[in-house]
N, C-alpha and C. Protein backbone atom coordinates (compact mmCIF):
# COMPACT_ATOMS: atom_id res chain seq x y z
N MET A 1 34.44 -3.40 -37.70
CA MET A 1 33.24 -2.86 -36.44
C MET A 1 32.86 -3.59 -35.87
N PRO A 2 32.88 -3.71 -34.70
CA PRO A 2 32.11 -4.55 -33.68
C PRO A 2 30.60 -4.75 -33.75
N VAL A 3 30.89 -6.14 -33.10
CA VAL A 3 29.72 -6.81 -33.55
C VAL A 3 28.66 -6.54 -32.04
N SER A 4 27.65 -6.00 -32.06
CA SER A 4 26.80 -5.61 -30.63
C SER A 4 25.46 -6.38 -30.48
N ALA A 5 25.70 -6.91 -29.19
CA ALA A 5 24.69 -7.91 -29.11
C ALA A 5 23.53 -7.94 -28.99
N PRO A 6 22.61 -8.66 -29.66
CA PRO A 6 21.52 -8.48 -29.94
C PRO A 6 20.42 -8.01 -28.69
N GLU A 7 19.83 -7.41 -29.09
CA GLU A 7 18.63 -6.87 -28.18
C GLU A 7 17.77 -7.08 -27.83
N VAL A 8 17.39 -7.66 -26.52
CA VAL A 8 16.77 -8.86 -25.81
C VAL A 8 15.24 -8.09 -25.92
N VAL A 9 14.08 -9.27 -26.77
CA VAL A 9 12.66 -8.67 -26.32
C VAL A 9 12.15 -9.26 -25.37
N ARG A 10 11.45 -8.13 -24.65
CA ARG A 10 10.55 -8.47 -23.34
C ARG A 10 9.28 -8.32 -23.95
N SER A 11 8.81 -9.76 -23.31
CA SER A 11 7.36 -9.34 -23.40
C SER A 11 6.69 -9.87 -22.41
N GLU A 12 4.97 -9.25 -22.23
CA GLU A 12 4.23 -9.79 -21.41
C GLU A 12 3.94 -10.85 -20.78
N VAL A 13 3.95 -11.47 -19.85
CA VAL A 13 3.83 -12.96 -19.36
C VAL A 13 2.33 -12.75 -18.34
N THR A 14 1.49 -13.73 -18.84
CA THR A 14 0.34 -13.88 -17.83
C THR A 14 0.68 -15.06 -16.68
N VAL A 15 0.56 -14.81 -15.30
CA VAL A 15 0.46 -16.09 -14.38
C VAL A 15 -0.28 -15.47 -13.95
N PRO A 16 -0.89 -16.96 -13.71
CA PRO A 16 -2.37 -17.27 -13.11
C PRO A 16 -2.28 -16.56 -11.13
N MET A 17 -3.55 -16.10 -10.65
CA MET A 17 -3.29 -15.64 -9.95
C MET A 17 -2.86 -16.65 -8.86
N THR A 18 -3.20 -17.82 -8.55
CA THR A 18 -3.00 -18.73 -7.56
C THR A 18 -2.04 -19.29 -7.50
N SER A 19 -0.56 -18.50 -8.54
CA SER A 19 0.65 -19.02 -8.43
C SER A 19 1.33 -18.13 -6.61
N PHE A 20 -0.03 -16.61 -6.99
CA PHE A 20 0.93 -16.05 -5.90
C PHE A 20 -0.61 -15.89 -4.77
N ILE A 21 -1.88 -16.63 -5.11
CA ILE A 21 -2.56 -16.55 -3.77
C ILE A 21 -3.05 -17.93 -3.75
N GLN A 22 -2.82 -18.35 -2.75
CA GLN A 22 -3.65 -19.81 -2.07
C GLN A 22 -5.08 -19.44 -2.09
N PRO A 23 -5.76 -20.50 -2.73
CA PRO A 23 -7.09 -20.79 -2.84
C PRO A 23 -8.26 -20.04 -1.59
N TYR A 24 -7.68 -20.62 -0.17
CA TYR A 24 -7.97 -20.12 0.90
C TYR A 24 -8.21 -18.47 1.03
N HIS A 25 -7.54 -17.95 0.32
CA HIS A 25 -7.45 -16.04 0.13
C HIS A 25 -7.69 -15.66 -0.60
N SER A 26 -8.45 -16.33 -1.62
CA SER A 26 -8.87 -15.87 -2.76
C SER A 26 -10.42 -15.05 -2.65
N HIS A 27 -10.94 -15.09 -1.52
CA HIS A 27 -12.00 -13.90 -1.38
C HIS A 27 -11.28 -12.63 -1.04
N TYR A 28 -10.17 -12.54 -0.36
CA TYR A 28 -9.06 -11.16 -0.41
C TYR A 28 -8.97 -10.29 -1.80
N PHE A 29 -9.24 -11.10 -2.80
CA PHE A 29 -8.96 -10.56 -3.95
C PHE A 29 -10.44 -10.51 -4.81
N SER A 30 -11.50 -10.88 -4.39
CA SER A 30 -12.58 -11.02 -4.99
C SER A 30 -13.49 -9.72 -5.84
N GLY A 31 -13.07 -8.81 -4.84
CA GLY A 31 -13.20 -7.13 -5.31
C GLY A 31 -15.40 -7.54 -5.26
N ARG A 32 -15.19 -8.31 -4.36
CA ARG A 32 -16.83 -8.55 -4.27
C ARG A 32 -17.05 -7.86 -2.79
N THR A 33 -18.33 -8.07 -2.46
CA THR A 33 -19.23 -8.14 -1.30
C THR A 33 -19.47 -9.17 -0.25
N ASP A 34 -19.43 -9.95 -1.37
CA ASP A 34 -20.09 -11.70 -0.56
C ASP A 34 -19.30 -12.70 1.20
N ARG A 35 -17.75 -11.26 1.47
CA ARG A 35 -17.63 -11.92 2.59
C ARG A 35 -17.01 -10.33 2.99
N PRO A 36 -17.86 -9.49 4.06
CA PRO A 36 -17.45 -8.23 4.10
C PRO A 36 -17.22 -8.45 5.82
N HIS A 37 -17.53 -8.77 6.58
CA HIS A 37 -17.71 -8.81 7.97
C HIS A 37 -16.84 -9.78 8.63
N PHE A 38 -15.56 -9.11 8.26
CA PHE A 38 -14.15 -9.97 8.91
C PHE A 38 -13.63 -8.47 9.87
N ARG A 39 -12.80 -9.48 10.92
CA ARG A 39 -12.33 -8.18 11.68
C ARG A 39 -11.25 -8.08 11.08
N GLN A 40 -10.02 -8.86 10.70
CA GLN A 40 -8.79 -8.66 10.24
C GLN A 40 -8.38 -9.62 9.39
N ARG A 41 -7.55 -8.71 8.12
CA ARG A 41 -7.15 -9.59 7.51
C ARG A 41 -5.81 -9.47 7.04
N ASP A 42 -5.10 -10.10 6.89
CA ASP A 42 -3.29 -10.21 7.45
C ASP A 42 -2.77 -10.63 5.36
N TYR A 43 -2.35 -10.29 5.04
CA TYR A 43 -1.37 -10.99 3.45
C TYR A 43 -0.08 -9.82 3.78
N SER A 44 0.66 -11.42 3.06
CA SER A 44 2.46 -10.85 2.35
C SER A 44 2.34 -10.65 1.09
N PHE A 45 2.86 -9.50 0.47
CA PHE A 45 2.87 -9.76 -0.98
C PHE A 45 4.47 -9.28 -0.85
N PRO A 46 4.84 -10.25 -2.35
CA PRO A 46 6.25 -9.95 -3.03
C PRO A 46 6.40 -8.31 -3.17
N GLY A 47 7.72 -8.45 -2.92
CA GLY A 47 8.05 -6.67 -3.30
C GLY A 47 8.17 -6.55 -4.86
N LEU A 48 7.64 -7.06 -5.44
CA LEU A 48 7.44 -6.66 -6.66
C LEU A 48 6.61 -5.48 -7.51
N PRO A 49 7.15 -4.28 -8.12
CA PRO A 49 6.32 -3.54 -8.49
C PRO A 49 5.23 -3.54 -9.39
N GLU A 50 5.43 -4.75 -10.19
CA GLU A 50 4.62 -5.07 -11.07
C GLU A 50 3.08 -5.91 -10.81
N LEU A 51 3.27 -5.90 -8.72
CA LEU A 51 2.28 -6.35 -8.78
C LEU A 51 1.51 -5.52 -7.17
N MET A 52 2.28 -4.45 -7.62
CA MET A 52 0.53 -3.27 -6.98
C MET A 52 -0.53 -3.39 -7.73
N PRO A 53 -1.17 -4.10 -8.72
CA PRO A 53 -2.54 -4.05 -9.31
C PRO A 53 -3.05 -4.86 -7.64
N LEU A 54 -2.44 -6.12 -7.78
CA LEU A 54 -2.59 -7.23 -6.79
C LEU A 54 -2.85 -6.83 -5.34
N THR A 55 -2.16 -5.48 -5.18
CA THR A 55 -2.03 -4.67 -3.55
C THR A 55 -3.24 -3.76 -4.10
N ARG A 56 -3.88 -3.58 -4.92
CA ARG A 56 -4.81 -2.73 -4.90
C ARG A 56 -6.19 -3.42 -4.41
N LEU A 57 -6.09 -4.61 -5.08
CA LEU A 57 -7.50 -5.26 -5.44
C LEU A 57 -7.71 -5.55 -3.49
N PHE A 58 -6.43 -6.15 -3.30
CA PHE A 58 -6.42 -6.68 -1.80
C PHE A 58 -7.42 -5.22 -1.27
N LEU A 59 -6.39 -4.42 -1.14
CA LEU A 59 -7.23 -3.40 -0.86
C LEU A 59 -8.67 -2.88 -0.13
N ASP A 60 -9.01 -2.55 -1.59
CA ASP A 60 -10.20 -2.36 -2.68
C ASP A 60 -11.04 -3.32 -2.24
N THR A 61 -10.92 -4.65 -1.54
CA THR A 61 -12.13 -5.52 -1.69
C THR A 61 -11.81 -5.78 0.00
N CYS A 62 -10.97 -5.16 0.54
CA CYS A 62 -11.00 -5.01 2.28
C CYS A 62 -12.39 -4.11 2.32
N VAL A 63 -12.31 -3.65 1.34
CA VAL A 63 -13.66 -2.03 1.70
C VAL A 63 -14.02 -1.81 0.70
N ALA A 64 -15.23 -3.13 0.43
CA ALA A 64 -15.70 -3.10 -1.32
C ALA A 64 -17.59 -2.62 -0.29
N ASP A 65 -17.61 -2.66 0.73
CA ASP A 65 -19.05 -2.63 0.78
C ASP A 65 -18.91 -1.27 1.42
N CYS A 66 -18.06 -0.67 1.35
CA CYS A 66 -17.95 0.71 1.85
C CYS A 66 -18.87 1.48 0.36
N SER A 67 -18.71 2.96 0.79
CA SER A 67 -18.82 3.50 -0.47
C SER A 67 -17.96 4.18 -1.20
N ASP A 68 -18.09 4.60 -2.69
CA ASP A 68 -17.36 4.64 -3.93
C ASP A 68 -15.93 5.68 -2.94
N ASP A 69 -16.26 6.50 -2.53
CA ASP A 69 -15.06 7.82 -2.50
C ASP A 69 -14.39 6.95 -1.02
N TYR A 70 -14.98 6.35 0.27
CA TYR A 70 -14.34 5.61 0.83
C TYR A 70 -13.39 4.43 0.29
N ARG A 71 -13.33 4.08 -0.87
CA ARG A 71 -12.65 2.70 -1.46
C ARG A 71 -11.42 3.25 -1.93
N TYR A 72 -11.76 4.42 -2.85
CA TYR A 72 -10.85 5.27 -3.86
C TYR A 72 -9.73 5.91 -2.56
N LEU A 73 -10.21 6.23 -1.44
CA LEU A 73 -9.45 6.61 -0.84
C LEU A 73 -8.96 5.48 0.19
N PHE A 74 -8.89 4.79 0.66
CA PHE A 74 -8.28 3.74 1.58
C PHE A 74 -7.56 2.76 0.57
N THR A 75 -8.17 2.68 -0.58
CA THR A 75 -7.08 2.13 -1.92
C THR A 75 -5.46 3.12 -2.06
N LEU A 76 -5.86 4.27 -2.04
CA LEU A 76 -5.11 5.11 -2.49
C LEU A 76 -3.40 5.38 -1.46
N LEU A 77 -4.57 5.56 -0.11
CA LEU A 77 -3.49 5.63 0.34
C LEU A 77 -2.65 4.53 1.01
N GLY A 78 -3.23 3.62 1.33
CA GLY A 78 -3.01 1.76 1.36
C GLY A 78 -1.95 1.97 0.13
N SER A 79 -1.91 1.79 -0.87
CA SER A 79 -1.39 1.86 -2.28
C SER A 79 0.40 2.69 -2.10
N GLU A 80 -0.15 3.80 -1.14
CA GLU A 80 0.99 4.45 -1.32
C GLU A 80 2.01 4.19 -0.17
N LEU A 81 1.81 3.39 0.95
CA LEU A 81 2.05 2.79 1.89
C LEU A 81 2.85 1.68 1.52
N ALA A 82 2.35 0.90 0.00
CA ALA A 82 2.83 -0.43 -0.36
C ALA A 82 3.56 0.26 -0.97
N GLY A 83 3.57 1.49 -1.83
CA GLY A 83 4.49 1.41 -3.07
C GLY A 83 6.11 1.94 -2.11
N ASN A 84 5.83 2.79 -1.08
CA ASN A 84 6.81 3.25 -0.46
C ASN A 84 8.03 1.89 0.46
N ALA A 85 6.71 1.33 0.87
CA ALA A 85 7.77 -0.27 1.33
C ALA A 85 8.45 -0.67 -0.71
N ILE A 86 8.08 -1.07 -0.76
CA ILE A 86 9.09 -1.60 -2.25
C ILE A 86 9.92 -0.55 -2.23
N ARG A 87 9.67 0.78 -2.57
CA ARG A 87 10.92 1.53 -3.16
C ARG A 87 11.92 2.81 -2.12
N HIS A 88 11.26 2.24 -0.64
CA HIS A 88 12.61 2.77 -0.05
C HIS A 88 12.65 1.71 1.02
N SER A 89 13.17 0.60 0.96
CA SER A 89 13.03 -0.85 2.03
C SER A 89 13.52 -1.76 1.31
N ARG A 90 14.14 -2.80 2.01
CA ARG A 90 14.53 -4.16 1.71
C ARG A 90 13.59 -4.66 0.72
N SER A 91 12.16 -4.46 1.38
CA SER A 91 11.41 -5.32 0.09
C SER A 91 11.06 -5.24 -0.79
N GLY A 92 11.91 -4.04 -1.56
CA GLY A 92 12.21 -4.00 -2.67
C GLY A 92 13.06 -4.36 -3.34
N LEU A 93 14.09 -5.24 -2.88
CA LEU A 93 15.16 -6.02 -2.94
C LEU A 93 14.40 -7.57 -3.52
N PRO A 94 15.37 -8.11 -4.80
CA PRO A 94 15.26 -9.61 -5.34
C PRO A 94 14.92 -10.50 -3.46
N GLY A 95 13.66 -11.47 -3.57
CA GLY A 95 13.29 -11.75 -2.42
C GLY A 95 12.31 -10.92 -1.43
N GLY A 96 12.48 -10.04 -1.60
CA GLY A 96 11.71 -8.97 -0.38
C GLY A 96 10.39 -9.01 -0.56
N PHE A 97 9.54 -8.91 0.86
CA PHE A 97 8.14 -8.65 0.81
C PHE A 97 7.85 -7.48 1.73
N TYR A 98 6.74 -7.10 1.72
CA TYR A 98 6.10 -6.40 2.86
C TYR A 98 4.96 -7.24 3.59
N ASP A 99 3.89 -6.70 4.00
CA ASP A 99 3.17 -7.29 5.34
C ASP A 99 1.76 -6.15 5.18
N LEU A 100 0.35 -6.49 4.59
CA LEU A 100 -0.43 -5.51 5.10
C LEU A 100 -1.12 -5.99 5.86
N GLN A 101 -1.88 -5.14 6.70
CA GLN A 101 -3.09 -5.69 7.70
C GLN A 101 -4.17 -4.84 7.78
N VAL A 102 -5.55 -4.92 7.91
CA VAL A 102 -6.48 -4.18 7.37
C VAL A 102 -7.18 -4.72 8.79
N ARG A 103 -7.89 -3.90 9.69
CA ARG A 103 -8.88 -4.47 10.87
C ARG A 103 -9.70 -3.17 10.61
N ARG A 104 -10.66 -3.71 10.73
CA ARG A 104 -12.38 -3.05 10.61
C ARG A 104 -12.53 -2.74 11.94
N SER A 105 -13.03 -1.58 12.06
CA SER A 105 -14.10 -1.38 13.27
C SER A 105 -15.54 -0.36 12.71
N ALA A 106 -16.30 -0.86 13.87
CA ALA A 106 -17.50 0.26 13.13
C ALA A 106 -17.55 1.91 13.12
N GLN A 107 -16.04 2.23 13.26
CA GLN A 107 -15.68 3.81 13.40
C GLN A 107 -14.80 3.73 11.94
N GLY A 108 -14.53 2.82 11.25
CA GLY A 108 -13.05 2.71 10.34
C GLY A 108 -12.31 1.69 10.30
N MET A 109 -11.54 2.25 9.15
CA MET A 109 -10.51 1.01 8.89
C MET A 109 -9.25 1.17 9.16
N HIS A 110 -8.19 0.43 9.85
CA HIS A 110 -6.75 0.75 10.27
C HIS A 110 -6.29 -0.20 9.36
N LEU A 111 -5.12 -0.08 8.69
CA LEU A 111 -3.94 -0.50 7.52
C LEU A 111 -2.49 -0.09 8.19
N THR A 112 -2.07 -1.18 8.34
CA THR A 112 -0.44 -1.34 8.95
C THR A 112 0.24 -1.78 7.91
N CYS A 113 1.34 -1.19 7.16
CA CYS A 113 2.18 -1.76 6.34
C CYS A 113 3.98 -2.20 7.25
N ARG A 114 4.08 -3.31 7.48
CA ARG A 114 5.21 -3.66 7.85
C ARG A 114 6.66 -4.18 6.58
N ASP A 115 7.50 -3.69 6.44
CA ASP A 115 8.37 -3.79 5.48
C ASP A 115 9.97 -4.50 6.24
N GLN A 116 10.71 -4.71 5.16
CA GLN A 116 12.05 -5.25 6.28
C GLN A 116 12.98 -4.42 6.27
N GLY A 117 12.66 -2.76 6.20
CA GLY A 117 13.49 -2.11 6.86
C GLY A 117 14.44 -1.52 5.81
N SER A 118 14.60 -0.26 5.75
CA SER A 118 15.31 0.62 5.31
C SER A 118 16.55 0.36 4.35
N THR A 119 17.46 0.43 3.35
CA THR A 119 18.35 0.32 2.31
C THR A 119 19.15 1.58 2.82
N ALA A 120 18.69 2.28 3.47
CA ALA A 120 19.31 3.61 3.37
C ALA A 120 19.70 3.62 5.03
N SER A 121 21.04 4.59 5.27
CA SER A 121 20.70 4.33 7.07
C SER A 121 19.81 6.22 7.34
N ILE A 122 18.78 5.60 7.85
CA ILE A 122 17.88 6.62 8.06
C ILE A 122 17.84 6.61 9.76
N ARG A 123 17.64 7.76 10.00
CA ARG A 123 17.98 7.81 11.44
C ARG A 123 16.57 7.16 12.45
N ALA A 124 16.97 6.44 13.61
CA ALA A 124 15.43 5.59 13.90
C ALA A 124 14.68 7.80 14.48
N GLY A 125 13.42 7.09 14.43
CA GLY A 125 12.68 7.88 14.74
C GLY A 125 11.41 8.04 14.36
N GLN A 126 10.78 8.59 14.38
CA GLN A 126 9.07 9.33 13.72
C GLN A 126 9.44 9.71 11.39
N PHE A 127 8.83 8.79 11.11
CA PHE A 127 8.94 9.24 9.89
C PHE A 127 8.19 10.81 9.72
N SER A 128 8.76 11.85 9.20
CA SER A 128 7.33 13.14 8.64
C SER A 128 7.16 13.34 7.37
N PRO A 129 6.17 13.41 6.65
CA PRO A 129 5.81 14.05 5.46
C PRO A 129 6.72 15.44 4.83
N ASP A 130 6.78 15.28 3.55
CA ASP A 130 7.62 16.49 3.44
C ASP A 130 6.56 17.60 2.76
N PRO A 131 7.40 18.52 3.71
CA PRO A 131 6.31 19.73 3.86
C PRO A 131 5.72 20.28 2.42
N ASN A 132 6.47 19.62 1.44
CA ASN A 132 6.49 20.55 -0.04
C ASN A 132 5.62 19.49 -0.66
N GLY A 133 5.29 18.45 -0.20
CA GLY A 133 4.75 16.81 -0.69
C GLY A 133 3.29 17.04 -1.72
N LEU A 134 2.43 18.07 -0.91
CA LEU A 134 1.16 18.37 -1.86
C LEU A 134 1.38 19.15 -2.95
N ASN A 135 2.45 19.84 -3.21
CA ASN A 135 2.92 20.95 -4.45
C ASN A 135 2.46 20.27 -5.70
N PRO A 136 1.98 20.44 -6.56
CA PRO A 136 1.70 19.82 -7.97
C PRO A 136 2.74 19.83 -9.03
N GLU A 137 3.53 20.59 -8.19
CA GLU A 137 5.39 21.06 -9.01
C GLU A 137 6.22 20.32 -8.74
N VAL A 138 6.08 19.54 -7.74
CA VAL A 138 6.99 18.86 -7.04
C VAL A 138 6.64 17.40 -7.72
N GLU A 139 7.65 16.36 -7.82
CA GLU A 139 7.77 15.33 -8.95
C GLU A 139 7.71 13.76 -7.62
N ALA A 140 8.09 14.01 -6.52
CA ALA A 140 8.57 13.15 -5.75
C ALA A 140 7.63 13.31 -4.48
N GLY A 141 7.54 12.51 -3.30
CA GLY A 141 7.25 12.76 -1.51
C GLY A 141 6.00 13.26 -1.11
N ARG A 142 5.11 13.31 -2.53
CA ARG A 142 3.07 13.14 -1.91
C ARG A 142 2.94 12.24 -1.14
N GLY A 143 3.43 10.91 -1.06
CA GLY A 143 3.11 9.70 -0.34
C GLY A 143 2.70 10.09 0.94
N LEU A 144 3.79 10.27 1.82
CA LEU A 144 3.23 10.30 2.80
C LEU A 144 2.39 11.82 3.48
N ALA A 145 2.87 13.01 2.55
CA ALA A 145 2.27 13.84 2.58
C ALA A 145 0.55 13.55 2.35
N MET A 146 0.03 12.97 1.38
CA MET A 146 -1.23 12.74 1.33
C MET A 146 -1.79 11.59 2.80
N ILE A 147 -1.03 11.13 2.94
CA ILE A 147 -1.66 9.92 4.17
C ILE A 147 -1.67 11.32 5.48
N ASP A 148 -0.88 12.10 5.88
CA ASP A 148 -0.79 12.65 6.69
C ASP A 148 -2.17 13.90 6.58
N ALA A 149 -2.48 14.10 5.04
CA ALA A 149 -3.73 15.18 4.90
C ALA A 149 -4.58 14.67 4.94
N LEU A 150 -4.98 13.35 4.69
CA LEU A 150 -6.43 12.64 4.31
C LEU A 150 -6.64 11.67 5.34
N ALA A 151 -5.72 11.13 6.07
CA ALA A 151 -6.15 10.10 6.99
C ALA A 151 -6.50 10.32 8.31
N THR A 152 -7.36 9.75 9.03
CA THR A 152 -7.70 10.69 10.07
C THR A 152 -6.48 10.21 11.53
N ALA A 153 -5.85 9.63 11.22
CA ALA A 153 -4.73 9.59 12.15
C ALA A 153 -3.84 9.02 11.29
N TRP A 154 -1.99 8.71 11.84
CA TRP A 154 -1.21 7.68 11.16
C TRP A 154 0.00 8.02 11.79
N GLY A 155 0.32 7.14 11.93
CA GLY A 155 1.96 7.34 12.37
C GLY A 155 3.11 5.89 11.94
N ASP A 156 3.98 5.69 12.79
CA ASP A 156 5.15 4.43 12.58
C ASP A 156 6.07 4.33 13.68
N ASN A 157 6.46 2.83 13.73
CA ASN A 157 7.21 2.87 15.01
C ASN A 157 8.23 3.43 15.41
N GLY A 158 8.95 4.32 14.23
CA GLY A 158 10.16 4.58 14.29
C GLY A 158 12.09 4.06 14.29
N LEU A 159 11.12 2.59 13.82
CA LEU A 159 12.14 1.68 13.57
C LEU A 159 12.73 1.31 12.36
N PRO A 160 13.66 1.77 11.69
CA PRO A 160 14.02 1.95 10.45
C PRO A 160 14.81 0.55 9.69
N GLU A 161 14.92 -0.24 11.34
CA GLU A 161 15.66 -1.71 10.80
C GLU A 161 14.25 -3.00 9.97
N LEU A 162 13.60 -2.60 10.69
CA LEU A 162 11.56 -3.08 10.47
C LEU A 162 11.01 -2.07 11.05
N ARG A 163 10.57 -0.91 9.64
CA ARG A 163 9.48 -0.18 9.73
C ARG A 163 8.30 -1.01 9.42
N THR A 164 7.11 -0.31 10.82
CA THR A 164 5.76 -0.13 10.39
C THR A 164 5.17 1.07 10.08
N VAL A 165 4.53 1.23 9.28
CA VAL A 165 3.58 2.69 9.46
C VAL A 165 2.38 2.18 9.08
N TRP A 166 1.16 3.39 9.53
CA TRP A 166 0.08 2.41 10.01
C TRP A 166 -0.78 3.96 9.41
N PHE A 167 -1.96 3.54 9.20
CA PHE A 167 -2.82 5.03 9.33
C PHE A 167 -4.29 4.19 9.70
N PHE A 168 -4.95 4.82 9.79
CA PHE A 168 -6.61 4.99 10.53
C PHE A 168 -7.56 6.06 9.49
N LEU A 169 -8.49 5.05 8.97
CA LEU A 169 -9.48 5.87 8.10
C LEU A 169 -11.21 6.27 8.46
N ALA A 170 -11.45 7.02 9.59
CA ALA A 170 -12.64 7.15 9.68
C ALA A 170 -13.48 6.44 8.39
N ARG A 171 -14.45 5.93 9.01
CA ARG A 171 -15.84 6.11 8.08
C ARG A 171 -16.69 6.84 7.23
N ASP A 172 -16.73 7.58 8.59
CA ASP A 172 -17.28 9.25 8.34
C ASP A 172 -16.54 10.21 7.56
N LEU A 173 -16.63 10.55 6.04
CA LEU A 173 -15.74 11.56 5.52
C LEU A 173 -16.49 13.22 5.61
N ASP A 174 -17.24 12.94 6.06
CA ASP A 174 -17.71 14.41 5.88
C ASP A 174 -17.05 15.38 6.58
N ASP A 175 -15.35 15.22 7.83
CA ASP A 175 -15.17 16.74 7.61
C ASP A 175 -13.50 16.00 7.76
N ASN A 176 -13.22 15.03 6.61
CA ASN A 176 -12.45 14.66 6.18
C ASN A 176 -11.69 15.91 5.11
N PRO A 177 -10.91 16.35 4.55
CA PRO A 177 -10.21 17.15 3.43
C PRO A 177 -10.81 16.73 2.10
N TRP A 178 -10.83 15.57 2.38
CA TRP A 178 -11.01 14.65 0.82
C TRP A 178 -12.49 15.01 0.35
N SER A 179 -13.46 15.41 1.26
CA SER A 179 -14.80 15.69 0.89
C SER A 179 -14.96 17.47 0.15
N GLN A 180 -13.88 18.10 0.98
CA GLN A 180 -13.67 19.69 0.36
C GLN A 180 -13.34 19.49 -1.24
N LEU A 181 -12.52 18.67 -2.01
CA LEU A 181 -12.28 18.39 -3.29
C LEU A 181 -12.96 18.40 -4.07
C-alpha cells in the first residue's frame, strides 16, 4: 500500500501592520477623520488577495469625513478596481503590486488604479463592462458593470501592458442610481 504524504495544516498568522505600512503612512489606514484635508494620497499595495482588507481600509479612510453611503460606495467601487488588478493582471503574480491614487476635490473623489499589465493577450483599447454584469444570476463580470452604473465617470488608458483604470464619484449622490436602491 503506497504511503501518502502527510497533509500540511495551514494556520492563520497575524502580521503587524508595520510590516506593510511605514509609520509616516499609518494615518492612511486609521479609519479616522483626523486628517481629512488632503489633496492626494498614493499607495502601492502588494498584489495579494489576502491584503484586500488593507485596501478597503485605505479607501474607507480616504473618505472618512463623507456620508456613510458615500464611504460605502467609494470603497466598494475602489475594491472592485483593486480586485480586478489582482485577478486580471500581473499585479496578482508573486512579487506583483498595484498602485492606488486618490485625489479629492470639492466636487468629489477621483480614484486611479495602476496595475502591472495583462497576463492574457487582451487587445489594446478601452475596457467595456459586461452587458450582463448586473444580472444577479451571473457569477462574474460585475466589477466594471457596477463602476459603469454607479460612478459619475470612469475610463482607462487602453494599454493592456500597463493598465490604468479610474473613476470619479461626485459627492452629491442625489442623481446617482445608488440613491434609488
